[in-house]
Amino acid sequence: MTSEVDAIIGSNIRRIRELSGMSKRGLAQAVGISWSQIQKCEEGKEGERRISAGSLVAVATALNCSLDQLWKGIEPGEPMMALPAHSDDAIAVATNFDRILSAAHREAIANLIATLAQP
């Protein structure tokens, strides 16, 4: 179970970091840990993949997100699942989507994407 939690947290860190446009090196520097430790954490590799509680707080601060966002997908008694990795194009769409001021335009784009994604 511990390894599942570590993998989910790592996946969440990667997703939020990519959405924010921050590099692994930039995050590592902001948190005060090595770039390789960030990479191992994000990839869920054995060994040094765990980050301390203090470093998690520093990650949340550097990424301007809540601790809850880092724990997304981890609920006691619920099945745990890491969020899927996304392409660079998907991250760019997600990053820019919330910048669209018109709710009608956002809805139209969401509907278009859903229609195009149908098999």
N, C-alpha and C. Protein backbone atom coordinates (compact mmCIF):
# COMPACT_ATOMS: atom_id res chain seq x y z
N MET A 1 0.82 -1.20 0.00
CA MET A 1 0.00 0.00 0.00
C MET A 1 0.86 1.26 0.00
N THR A 2 1.96 1.23 0.76
CA THR A 2 2.82 2.40 0.82
C THR A 2 3.34 2.75 -0.57
N SER A 3 3.74 1.73 -1.35
CA SER A 3 4.26 2.01 -2.69
C SER A 3 3.18 2.59 -3.60
N GLU A 4 1.92 2.17 -3.41
CA GLU A 4 0.83 2.75 -4.19
C GLU A 4 0.66 4.23 -3.86
N VAL A 5 0.71 4.56 -2.60
CA VAL A 5 0.59 5.96 -2.17
C VAL A 5 1.73 6.78 -2.75
N ASP A 6 2.96 6.25 -2.68
CA ASP A 6 4.11 6.96 -3.23
C ASP A 6 3.95 7.19 -4.72
N ALA A 7 3.45 6.18 -5.44
CA ALA A 7 3.26 6.30 -6.90
C ALA A 7 2.21 7.35 -7.22
N ILE A 8 1.13 7.39 -6.46
CA ILE A 8 0.07 8.37 -6.70
C ILE A 8 0.57 9.78 -6.42
N ILE A 9 1.26 9.96 -5.31
CA ILE A 9 1.80 11.29 -4.99
C ILE A 9 2.79 11.72 -6.07
N GLY A 10 3.65 10.81 -6.50
CA GLY A 10 4.61 11.13 -7.56
C GLY A 10 3.92 11.52 -8.85
N SER A 11 2.87 10.79 -9.20
CA SER A 11 2.10 11.10 -10.41
C SER A 11 1.44 12.47 -10.30
N ASN A 12 0.91 12.77 -9.12
CA ASN A 12 0.27 14.08 -8.90
C ASN A 12 1.29 15.21 -8.98
N ILE A 13 2.47 15.00 -8.41
CA ILE A 13 3.51 16.03 -8.47
C ILE A 13 3.87 16.29 -9.93
N ARG A 14 4.09 15.22 -10.71
CA ARG A 14 4.44 15.39 -12.12
C ARG A 14 3.34 16.14 -12.88
N ARG A 15 2.09 15.74 -12.67
CA ARG A 15 0.96 16.38 -13.38
C ARG A 15 0.88 17.87 -13.04
N ILE A 16 0.94 18.20 -11.76
CA ILE A 16 0.83 19.60 -11.35
C ILE A 16 2.05 20.39 -11.81
N ARG A 17 3.23 19.79 -11.72
CA ARG A 17 4.44 20.48 -12.17
C ARG A 17 4.37 20.77 -13.67
N GLU A 18 3.94 19.79 -14.46
CA GLU A 18 3.84 20.00 -15.91
C GLU A 18 2.79 21.05 -16.25
N LEU A 19 1.65 21.01 -15.55
CA LEU A 19 0.61 22.01 -15.80
C LEU A 19 1.08 23.42 -15.44
N SER A 20 1.95 23.50 -14.45
CA SER A 20 2.45 24.82 -14.05
C SER A 20 3.59 25.30 -14.94
N GLY A 21 4.12 24.41 -15.78
CA GLY A 21 5.21 24.79 -16.67
C GLY A 21 6.57 24.79 -16.00
N MET A 22 6.68 24.19 -14.82
CA MET A 22 7.96 24.17 -14.11
C MET A 22 8.75 22.92 -14.50
N SER A 23 10.05 23.07 -14.63
CA SER A 23 10.91 21.93 -14.94
C SER A 23 11.19 21.12 -13.67
N LYS A 24 11.67 19.89 -13.86
CA LYS A 24 12.07 19.07 -12.70
C LYS A 24 13.20 19.75 -11.95
N ARG A 25 14.15 20.29 -12.71
CA ARG A 25 15.28 20.96 -12.06
C ARG A 25 14.83 22.20 -11.29
N GLY A 26 13.90 22.94 -11.85
CA GLY A 26 13.38 24.12 -11.17
C GLY A 26 12.67 23.76 -9.88
N LEU A 27 11.88 22.69 -9.92
CA LEU A 27 11.18 22.26 -8.71
C LEU A 27 12.18 21.77 -7.67
N ALA A 28 13.14 20.98 -8.11
CA ALA A 28 14.15 20.47 -7.18
C ALA A 28 14.89 21.61 -6.50
N GLN A 29 15.25 22.62 -7.28
CA GLN A 29 15.96 23.78 -6.72
C GLN A 29 15.08 24.53 -5.72
N ALA A 30 13.80 24.70 -6.06
CA ALA A 30 12.88 25.42 -5.16
C ALA A 30 12.66 24.66 -3.86
N VAL A 31 12.69 23.33 -3.94
CA VAL A 31 12.42 22.50 -2.76
C VAL A 31 13.68 22.24 -1.96
N GLY A 32 14.83 22.30 -2.63
CA GLY A 32 16.09 22.04 -1.93
C GLY A 32 16.45 20.57 -1.88
N ILE A 33 16.00 19.82 -2.89
CA ILE A 33 16.38 18.41 -3.01
C ILE A 33 16.95 18.20 -4.40
N SER A 34 17.51 17.03 -4.62
CA SER A 34 18.16 16.78 -5.91
C SER A 34 17.15 16.56 -7.02
N TRP A 35 17.58 16.89 -8.24
CA TRP A 35 16.77 16.67 -9.43
C TRP A 35 16.44 15.19 -9.56
N SER A 36 17.42 14.34 -9.28
CA SER A 36 17.19 12.89 -9.42
C SER A 36 16.16 12.40 -8.41
N GLN A 37 16.09 13.01 -7.24
CA GLN A 37 15.09 12.60 -6.26
C GLN A 37 13.68 12.97 -6.74
N ILE A 38 13.54 14.14 -7.36
CA ILE A 38 12.25 14.52 -7.94
C ILE A 38 11.87 13.52 -9.03
N GLN A 39 12.83 13.20 -9.90
CA GLN A 39 12.56 12.27 -11.00
C GLN A 39 12.16 10.90 -10.48
N LYS A 40 12.88 10.38 -9.49
CA LYS A 40 12.55 9.07 -8.94
C LYS A 40 11.17 9.09 -8.29
N CYS A 41 10.86 10.17 -7.60
CA CYS A 41 9.55 10.30 -6.97
C CYS A 41 8.45 10.31 -8.02
N GLU A 42 8.60 11.13 -9.05
CA GLU A 42 7.58 11.24 -10.09
C GLU A 42 7.39 9.93 -10.84
N GLU A 43 8.46 9.20 -11.05
CA GLU A 43 8.39 7.96 -11.81
C GLU A 43 8.04 6.75 -10.94
N GLY A 44 8.00 6.94 -9.63
CA GLY A 44 7.65 5.85 -8.73
C GLY A 44 8.69 4.75 -8.69
N LYS A 45 9.97 5.10 -8.88
CA LYS A 45 11.05 4.11 -8.87
C LYS A 45 11.36 3.68 -7.44
N GLU A 46 11.85 2.46 -7.34
CA GLU A 46 12.26 1.93 -6.04
C GLU A 46 13.41 2.76 -5.48
N GLY A 47 13.58 2.70 -4.20
CA GLY A 47 14.71 3.38 -3.57
C GLY A 47 14.32 4.72 -2.99
N GLU A 48 14.86 5.81 -3.57
CA GLU A 48 14.67 7.15 -3.02
C GLU A 48 13.41 7.83 -3.50
N ARG A 49 12.37 7.08 -3.79
CA ARG A 49 11.19 7.71 -4.37
C ARG A 49 10.36 8.48 -3.35
N ARG A 50 10.54 8.23 -2.09
CA ARG A 50 9.75 8.92 -1.08
C ARG A 50 10.36 10.28 -0.76
N ILE A 51 9.48 11.24 -0.52
CA ILE A 51 9.94 12.56 -0.11
C ILE A 51 9.41 12.78 1.30
N SER A 52 10.15 13.50 2.09
CA SER A 52 9.73 13.77 3.46
C SER A 52 8.49 14.66 3.49
N ALA A 53 7.81 14.66 4.62
CA ALA A 53 6.63 15.50 4.78
C ALA A 53 6.99 16.98 4.58
N GLY A 54 8.13 17.38 5.11
CA GLY A 54 8.57 18.76 4.94
C GLY A 54 8.80 19.11 3.48
N SER A 55 9.37 18.17 2.73
CA SER A 55 9.60 18.40 1.31
C SER A 55 8.28 18.46 0.54
N LEU A 56 7.28 17.67 0.96
CA LEU A 56 5.96 17.73 0.32
C LEU A 56 5.34 19.12 0.50
N VAL A 57 5.51 19.70 1.67
CA VAL A 57 5.00 21.05 1.91
C VAL A 57 5.75 22.04 1.01
N ALA A 58 7.06 21.85 0.88
CA ALA A 58 7.85 22.73 0.01
C ALA A 58 7.44 22.56 -1.45
N VAL A 59 7.13 21.32 -1.87
CA VAL A 59 6.67 21.07 -3.25
C VAL A 59 5.36 21.80 -3.48
N ALA A 60 4.42 21.66 -2.54
CA ALA A 60 3.12 22.33 -2.69
C ALA A 60 3.31 23.84 -2.78
N THR A 61 4.20 24.39 -1.98
CA THR A 61 4.47 25.83 -2.00
C THR A 61 5.08 26.24 -3.34
N ALA A 62 6.06 25.47 -3.81
CA ALA A 62 6.73 25.80 -5.08
C ALA A 62 5.77 25.70 -6.26
N LEU A 63 4.84 24.74 -6.20
CA LEU A 63 3.89 24.55 -7.30
C LEU A 63 2.61 25.36 -7.12
N ASN A 64 2.55 26.10 -6.01
CA ASN A 64 1.38 26.92 -5.71
C ASN A 64 0.09 26.09 -5.73
N CYS A 65 0.15 24.95 -5.04
CA CYS A 65 -1.02 24.08 -4.96
C CYS A 65 -1.23 23.68 -3.49
N SER A 66 -2.35 23.08 -3.22
CA SER A 66 -2.62 22.63 -1.85
C SER A 66 -2.04 21.24 -1.63
N LEU A 67 -1.84 20.89 -0.39
CA LEU A 67 -1.41 19.52 -0.06
C LEU A 67 -2.45 18.51 -0.52
N ASP A 68 -3.73 18.90 -0.46
CA ASP A 68 -4.80 18.02 -0.93
C ASP A 68 -4.61 17.64 -2.39
N GLN A 69 -4.14 18.56 -3.20
CA GLN A 69 -3.93 18.26 -4.62
C GLN A 69 -2.83 17.20 -4.80
N LEU A 70 -1.83 17.20 -3.93
CA LEU A 70 -0.78 16.19 -4.01
C LEU A 70 -1.30 14.82 -3.59
N TRP A 71 -2.32 14.79 -2.74
CA TRP A 71 -2.89 13.54 -2.23
C TRP A 71 -4.10 13.08 -3.03
N LYS A 72 -4.45 13.78 -4.11
CA LYS A 72 -5.63 13.43 -4.90
C LYS A 72 -5.53 11.97 -5.36
N GLY A 73 -6.61 11.23 -5.15
CA GLY A 73 -6.65 9.82 -5.53
C GLY A 73 -6.35 8.88 -4.38
N ILE A 74 -6.07 9.46 -3.21
CA ILE A 74 -5.78 8.64 -2.03
C ILE A 74 -6.86 8.93 -0.99
N GLU A 75 -7.80 8.04 -0.88
CA GLU A 75 -8.87 8.17 0.10
C GLU A 75 -8.93 6.88 0.91
N PRO A 76 -8.92 6.96 2.24
CA PRO A 76 -9.00 5.75 3.05
C PRO A 76 -10.24 4.94 2.69
N GLY A 77 -10.04 3.66 2.44
CA GLY A 77 -11.15 2.78 2.14
C GLY A 77 -11.58 2.78 0.69
N GLU A 78 -11.00 3.64 -0.13
CA GLU A 78 -11.35 3.71 -1.55
C GLU A 78 -10.22 3.10 -2.37
N PRO A 79 -10.55 2.53 -3.53
CA PRO A 79 -9.47 2.02 -4.39
C PRO A 79 -8.59 3.19 -4.83
N MET A 80 -7.27 2.95 -4.84
CA MET A 80 -6.34 4.00 -5.21
C MET A 80 -5.90 3.81 -6.66
N MET A 81 -5.75 4.93 -7.35
CA MET A 81 -5.37 4.86 -8.75
C MET A 81 -4.56 6.10 -9.10
N ALA A 82 -3.41 5.88 -9.72
CA ALA A 82 -2.61 7.00 -10.20
C ALA A 82 -3.27 7.57 -11.44
N LEU A 83 -3.29 8.88 -11.55
CA LEU A 83 -3.85 9.52 -12.73
C LEU A 83 -2.95 9.24 -13.93
N PRO A 84 -3.53 9.07 -15.10
CA PRO A 84 -2.70 8.75 -16.27
C PRO A 84 -1.81 9.92 -16.67
N ALA A 85 -0.68 9.57 -17.28
CA ALA A 85 0.20 10.60 -17.82
C ALA A 85 -0.48 11.20 -19.05
N HIS A 86 -0.20 12.46 -19.32
CA HIS A 86 -0.83 13.14 -20.45
C HIS A 86 0.24 13.62 -21.42
N SER A 87 -0.14 13.73 -22.68
CA SER A 87 0.78 14.22 -23.70
C SER A 87 1.03 15.71 -23.48
N ASP A 88 2.08 16.20 -24.12
CA ASP A 88 2.38 17.64 -24.03
C ASP A 88 1.23 18.46 -24.59
N ASP A 89 0.59 17.96 -25.66
CA ASP A 89 -0.55 18.68 -26.25
C ASP A 89 -1.71 18.76 -25.26
N ALA A 90 -1.98 17.66 -24.55
CA ALA A 90 -3.08 17.66 -23.58
C ALA A 90 -2.79 18.63 -22.44
N ILE A 91 -1.56 18.67 -22.01
CA ILE A 91 -1.18 19.60 -20.94
C ILE A 91 -1.34 21.04 -21.41
N ALA A 92 -0.95 21.33 -22.66
CA ALA A 92 -1.10 22.69 -23.19
C ALA A 92 -2.57 23.08 -23.27
N VAL A 93 -3.43 22.15 -23.71
CA VAL A 93 -4.87 22.43 -23.78
C VAL A 93 -5.40 22.71 -22.37
N ALA A 94 -5.04 21.86 -21.42
CA ALA A 94 -5.53 22.04 -20.05
C ALA A 94 -5.03 23.35 -19.45
N THR A 95 -3.78 23.67 -19.70
CA THR A 95 -3.19 24.90 -19.17
C THR A 95 -3.92 26.13 -19.69
N ASN A 96 -4.25 26.12 -20.98
CA ASN A 96 -4.88 27.29 -21.59
C ASN A 96 -6.39 27.32 -21.45
N PHE A 97 -7.01 26.18 -21.21
CA PHE A 97 -8.47 26.09 -21.17
C PHE A 97 -9.08 27.05 -20.15
N ASP A 98 -8.54 27.06 -18.94
CA ASP A 98 -9.11 27.91 -17.89
C ASP A 98 -8.84 29.40 -18.12
N ARG A 99 -7.99 29.72 -19.08
CA ARG A 99 -7.73 31.13 -19.41
C ARG A 99 -8.80 31.69 -20.35
N ILE A 100 -9.62 30.82 -20.91
CA ILE A 100 -10.68 31.26 -21.81
C ILE A 100 -11.77 31.90 -20.95
N LEU A 101 -12.03 33.16 -21.14
CA LEU A 101 -12.96 33.89 -20.28
C LEU A 101 -14.42 33.50 -20.51
N SER A 102 -14.78 33.22 -21.73
CA SER A 102 -16.17 32.93 -22.06
C SER A 102 -16.56 31.51 -21.67
N ALA A 103 -17.54 31.38 -20.78
CA ALA A 103 -18.05 30.06 -20.39
C ALA A 103 -18.63 29.33 -21.59
N ALA A 104 -19.26 30.07 -22.48
CA ALA A 104 -19.85 29.46 -23.68
C ALA A 104 -18.75 28.89 -24.59
N HIS A 105 -17.64 29.60 -24.71
CA HIS A 105 -16.53 29.11 -25.53
C HIS A 105 -15.91 27.87 -24.89
N ARG A 106 -15.73 27.89 -23.55
CA ARG A 106 -15.18 26.72 -22.87
C ARG A 106 -16.08 25.51 -23.08
N GLU A 107 -17.38 25.70 -22.96
CA GLU A 107 -18.32 24.60 -23.15
C GLU A 107 -18.27 24.08 -24.59
N ALA A 108 -18.19 24.99 -25.55
CA ALA A 108 -18.12 24.58 -26.96
C ALA A 108 -16.86 23.78 -27.24
N ILE A 109 -15.75 24.21 -26.67
CA ILE A 109 -14.48 23.50 -26.86
C ILE A 109 -14.54 22.12 -26.19
N ALA A 110 -15.07 22.07 -24.99
CA ALA A 110 -15.20 20.78 -24.30
C ALA A 110 -16.08 19.83 -25.10
N ASN A 111 -17.17 20.34 -25.65
CA ASN A 111 -18.06 19.50 -26.47
C ASN A 111 -17.35 19.03 -27.74
N LEU A 112 -16.59 19.92 -28.37
CA LEU A 112 -15.86 19.57 -29.59
C LEU A 112 -14.85 18.45 -29.30
N ILE A 113 -14.10 18.61 -28.22
CA ILE A 113 -13.10 17.60 -27.86
C ILE A 113 -13.78 16.26 -27.58
N ALA A 114 -14.89 16.28 -26.84
CA ALA A 114 -15.61 15.05 -26.54
C ALA A 114 -16.13 14.38 -27.81
N THR A 115 -16.62 15.17 -28.74
CA THR A 115 -17.12 14.64 -30.01
C THR A 115 -15.99 14.03 -30.82
N LEU A 116 -14.87 14.72 -30.93
CA LEU A 116 -13.72 14.21 -31.70
C LEU A 116 -13.08 12.98 -31.07
N ALA A 117 -13.21 12.85 -29.76
CA ALA A 117 -12.58 11.72 -29.05
C ALA A 117 -13.41 10.44 -29.12
N GLN A 118 -14.64 10.53 -29.56
CA GLN A 118 -15.48 9.34 -29.64
C GLN A 118 -14.92 8.39 -30.69
N PRO A 119 -14.95 7.07 -30.36
CA PRO A 119 -14.44 6.08 -31.32
C PRO A 119 -15.30 5.96 -32.56
